[in-house]
């Protein structure tokens, strides 16, 4: 705990409480812990089932382990065990559009995103914003500072029912 506290910047007391389930960490704290451990947030929140022990995996919609990060909602899909080098998940893109959003992040994966519903905008540092509509896909290296927002015309939610644009992510290189 002492070493992880030094590496992550999260206090030893907080790490101990998180480990015992006494407190739930914020996304920022989980991200700091991941940096300290040199693993991704997805690795920290995914199943611990080993790849060798599983020939197949079914995750029912009511059994998935959803989590929120950076204003967006995520659900890991089957086959995303911590031991795997590829993770698949869906995301509700809740972040409102901004022409120059803050909180861009980087990670060590290469990602492909496929828009399942609505429209989103990818903000890659050094590039003009890229709008992706339903059915569009994008590959990017996570080492480029980036973030995703809803498209400008999706500000008042996509169909009036409170739903947000949704995308499928495939992240490679997590081992």
Protein backbone atom coordinates (compact mmCIF):
# COMPACT_ATOMS: atom_id res chain seq x y z
CA UNK A 1 0.00 0.00 0.00
CA UNK A 2 2.84 2.37 0.82
CA UNK A 3 4.50 1.81 -2.57
CA UNK A 4 1.23 2.12 -4.48
CA UNK A 5 0.43 5.32 -2.58
CA UNK A 6 3.78 6.72 -3.71
CA UNK A 7 3.29 5.63 -7.32
CA UNK A 8 -0.34 6.70 -7.64
CA UNK A 9 -0.62 9.78 -5.45
CA UNK A 10 -3.58 8.20 -3.64
CA UNK A 11 -3.16 8.07 0.14
CA UNK A 12 -2.44 4.77 1.85
CA UNK A 13 -5.54 5.23 4.01
CA UNK A 14 -7.77 5.73 0.95
CA UNK A 15 -6.23 2.71 -0.79
CA UNK A 16 -6.88 0.60 2.29
CA UNK A 17 -10.53 1.71 2.47
CA UNK A 18 -11.01 1.05 -1.25
CA UNK A 19 -9.48 -2.41 -0.89
CA UNK A 20 -11.83 -3.24 2.01
CA UNK A 21 -14.86 -1.91 0.13
CA UNK A 22 -15.49 0.85 2.67
CA UNK A 23 -15.45 3.59 0.04
CA UNK A 24 -16.05 3.71 -3.70
CA UNK A 25 -13.32 5.55 -5.58
CA UNK A 26 -14.04 8.22 -8.16
CA UNK A 27 -12.95 7.64 -11.73
CA UNK A 28 -10.03 10.04 -11.19
CA UNK A 29 -8.85 7.95 -8.23
CA UNK A 30 -9.21 4.68 -10.15
CA UNK A 31 -7.24 6.24 -12.99
CA UNK A 32 -4.44 7.29 -10.58
CA UNK A 33 -4.33 3.77 -9.16
CA UNK A 34 -4.14 2.36 -12.69
CA UNK A 35 -1.25 4.68 -13.51
CA UNK A 36 0.50 3.60 -10.30
CA UNK A 37 0.02 -0.07 -11.20
CA UNK A 38 0.75 0.58 -14.90
CA UNK A 39 -2.60 -0.90 -15.97
CA UNK A 40 -5.72 0.55 -17.58
CA UNK A 41 -8.95 1.43 -15.83
CA UNK A 42 -10.63 -1.36 -17.83
CA UNK A 43 -8.21 -3.85 -16.32
CA UNK A 44 -9.06 -2.66 -12.81
CA UNK A 45 -12.82 -2.93 -13.26
CA UNK A 46 -13.07 -6.06 -15.40
CA UNK A 47 -13.56 -9.66 -14.41
CA UNK A 48 -10.66 -11.59 -12.89
CA UNK A 49 -11.50 -14.79 -14.81
CA UNK A 50 -8.39 -16.11 -16.50
CA UNK A 51 -8.38 -16.52 -20.27
CA UNK A 52 -7.13 -20.09 -20.06
CA UNK A 53 -10.01 -21.16 -17.84
CA UNK A 54 -12.76 -19.88 -20.16
CA UNK A 55 -13.67 -21.38 -23.55
CA UNK A 56 -16.61 -19.03 -23.92
CA UNK A 57 -18.37 -16.38 -21.88
CA UNK A 58 -21.91 -15.00 -21.93
CA UNK A 59 -22.72 -11.72 -20.23
CA UNK A 60 -26.44 -11.05 -19.97
CA UNK A 61 -27.52 -7.41 -20.21
CA UNK A 62 -28.75 -7.43 -16.61
CA UNK A 63 -25.51 -9.03 -15.36
CA UNK A 64 -22.94 -6.70 -16.93
CA UNK A 65 -20.83 -4.53 -14.68
CA UNK A 66 -21.53 -0.95 -15.81
CA UNK A 67 -19.29 1.87 -14.66
CA UNK A 68 -19.09 5.61 -15.23
CA UNK A 69 -15.94 7.40 -16.29
CA UNK A 70 -15.41 10.95 -17.46
CA UNK A 71 -19.17 11.63 -17.67
CA UNK A 72 -19.79 8.60 -19.89
CA UNK A 73 -21.32 5.24 -19.03
CA UNK A 74 -19.54 2.01 -19.94
CA UNK A 75 -20.42 -1.70 -20.03
CA UNK A 76 -17.76 -4.35 -20.52
CA UNK A 77 -18.80 -7.08 -22.94
CA UNK A 78 -18.12 -10.82 -22.89
CA UNK A 79 -14.50 -11.71 -23.49
CA UNK A 80 -13.13 -8.70 -21.61
CA UNK A 81 -11.47 -10.58 -18.74
CA UNK A 82 -8.47 -8.87 -17.17
CA UNK A 83 -6.07 -11.43 -18.65
CA UNK A 84 -7.02 -10.64 -22.25
CA UNK A 85 -5.18 -8.21 -24.49
CA UNK A 86 -8.44 -7.03 -26.12
CA UNK A 87 -11.42 -5.46 -24.35
CA UNK A 88 -14.83 -4.79 -25.86
CA UNK A 89 -17.30 -2.43 -24.29
CA UNK A 90 -20.18 -0.14 -25.11
CA UNK A 91 -20.36 3.45 -24.03
CA UNK A 92 -23.06 6.06 -23.72
CA UNK A 93 -21.40 9.31 -24.77
CA UNK A 94 -22.93 11.78 -22.33
CA UNK A 95 -20.34 14.58 -22.53
CA UNK A 96 -21.83 17.67 -24.18
CA UNK A 97 -20.19 19.04 -27.31
CA UNK A 98 -17.39 21.56 -26.98
CA UNK A 99 -15.22 22.84 -29.81
CA UNK A 100 -12.15 22.48 -27.55
CA UNK A 101 -13.01 20.09 -24.71
CA UNK A 102 -10.83 19.75 -21.64
CA UNK A 103 -9.86 16.48 -19.96
CA UNK A 104 -8.33 14.76 -22.96
CA UNK A 105 -6.71 11.55 -21.91
CA UNK A 106 -4.12 9.08 -23.18
CA UNK A 107 -3.60 5.36 -22.71
CA UNK A 108 -1.49 2.58 -24.15
CA UNK A 109 -4.16 0.93 -26.29
CA UNK A 110 -5.15 1.10 -29.92
CA UNK A 111 -8.90 1.52 -30.22
CA UNK A 112 -11.61 1.08 -32.81
CA UNK A 113 -14.95 2.72 -32.18
CA UNK A 114 -18.21 1.99 -34.02
CA UNK A 115 -21.18 4.32 -33.51
CA UNK A 116 -24.28 2.26 -32.74
CA UNK A 117 -26.76 5.13 -32.31
CA UNK A 118 -26.79 8.91 -32.54
CA UNK A 119 -23.70 10.93 -33.43
CA UNK A 120 -20.48 11.61 -31.54
CA UNK A 121 -17.41 13.76 -32.09
CA UNK A 122 -13.83 12.54 -31.61
CA UNK A 123 -11.40 15.24 -30.49
CA UNK A 124 -7.84 14.08 -31.27
CA UNK A 125 -5.11 16.54 -30.34
CA UNK A 126 -3.60 18.09 -33.47
CA UNK A 127 -6.62 17.22 -35.64
CA UNK A 128 -9.92 18.88 -36.46
CA UNK A 129 -12.91 17.37 -34.61
CA UNK A 130 -14.24 14.29 -36.40
CA UNK A 131 -18.01 13.73 -36.35
CA UNK A 132 -19.06 10.09 -36.47
CA UNK A 133 -22.64 9.14 -37.27
CA UNK A 134 -24.47 5.84 -36.78
CA UNK A 135 -22.53 3.10 -38.57
CA UNK A 136 -19.29 5.12 -38.85
CA UNK A 137 -16.11 3.71 -37.33
CA UNK A 138 -12.75 5.13 -36.34
CA UNK A 139 -9.37 3.66 -35.40
CA UNK A 140 -7.00 5.72 -33.23
CA UNK A 141 -3.93 5.26 -31.09
CA UNK A 142 -4.67 5.96 -27.46
CA UNK A 143 -1.31 7.69 -27.12
CA UNK A 144 -2.82 10.71 -28.92
CA UNK A 145 -4.58 12.92 -26.33
CA UNK A 146 -8.29 12.52 -27.06
CA UNK A 147 -11.85 12.70 -25.82
CA UNK A 148 -15.32 12.04 -27.20
CA UNK A 149 -18.43 14.22 -26.95
CA UNK A 150 -21.93 14.16 -28.31
CA UNK A 151 -22.33 15.83 -31.70
CA UNK A 152 -23.45 19.49 -31.59
CA UNK A 153 -26.95 18.63 -32.85
CA UNK A 154 -27.33 15.94 -30.15
CA UNK A 155 -27.26 18.43 -27.26
CA UNK A 156 -30.89 17.88 -26.27
CA UNK A 157 -30.46 14.07 -26.23
CA UNK A 158 -30.94 11.92 -29.27
CA UNK A 159 -34.61 10.87 -29.50
CA UNK A 160 -36.17 12.89 -26.73
CA UNK A 161 -36.30 9.81 -24.52
CA UNK A 162 -33.22 10.73 -22.50
CA UNK A 163 -30.96 8.32 -24.37
CA UNK A 164 -27.45 9.25 -25.40
CA UNK A 165 -25.41 8.31 -28.47
CA UNK A 166 -23.91 4.85 -28.00
CA UNK A 167 -20.72 3.36 -29.38
CA UNK A 168 -18.94 0.03 -29.38
CA UNK A 169 -15.24 0.17 -28.45
CA UNK A 170 -12.62 -2.48 -29.13
CA UNK A 171 -9.37 -1.76 -27.25
CA UNK A 172 -6.26 -3.71 -28.13
CA UNK A 173 -2.96 -3.84 -26.29
CA UNK A 174 -3.98 -4.09 -22.65
CA UNK A 175 -1.78 -6.98 -21.64
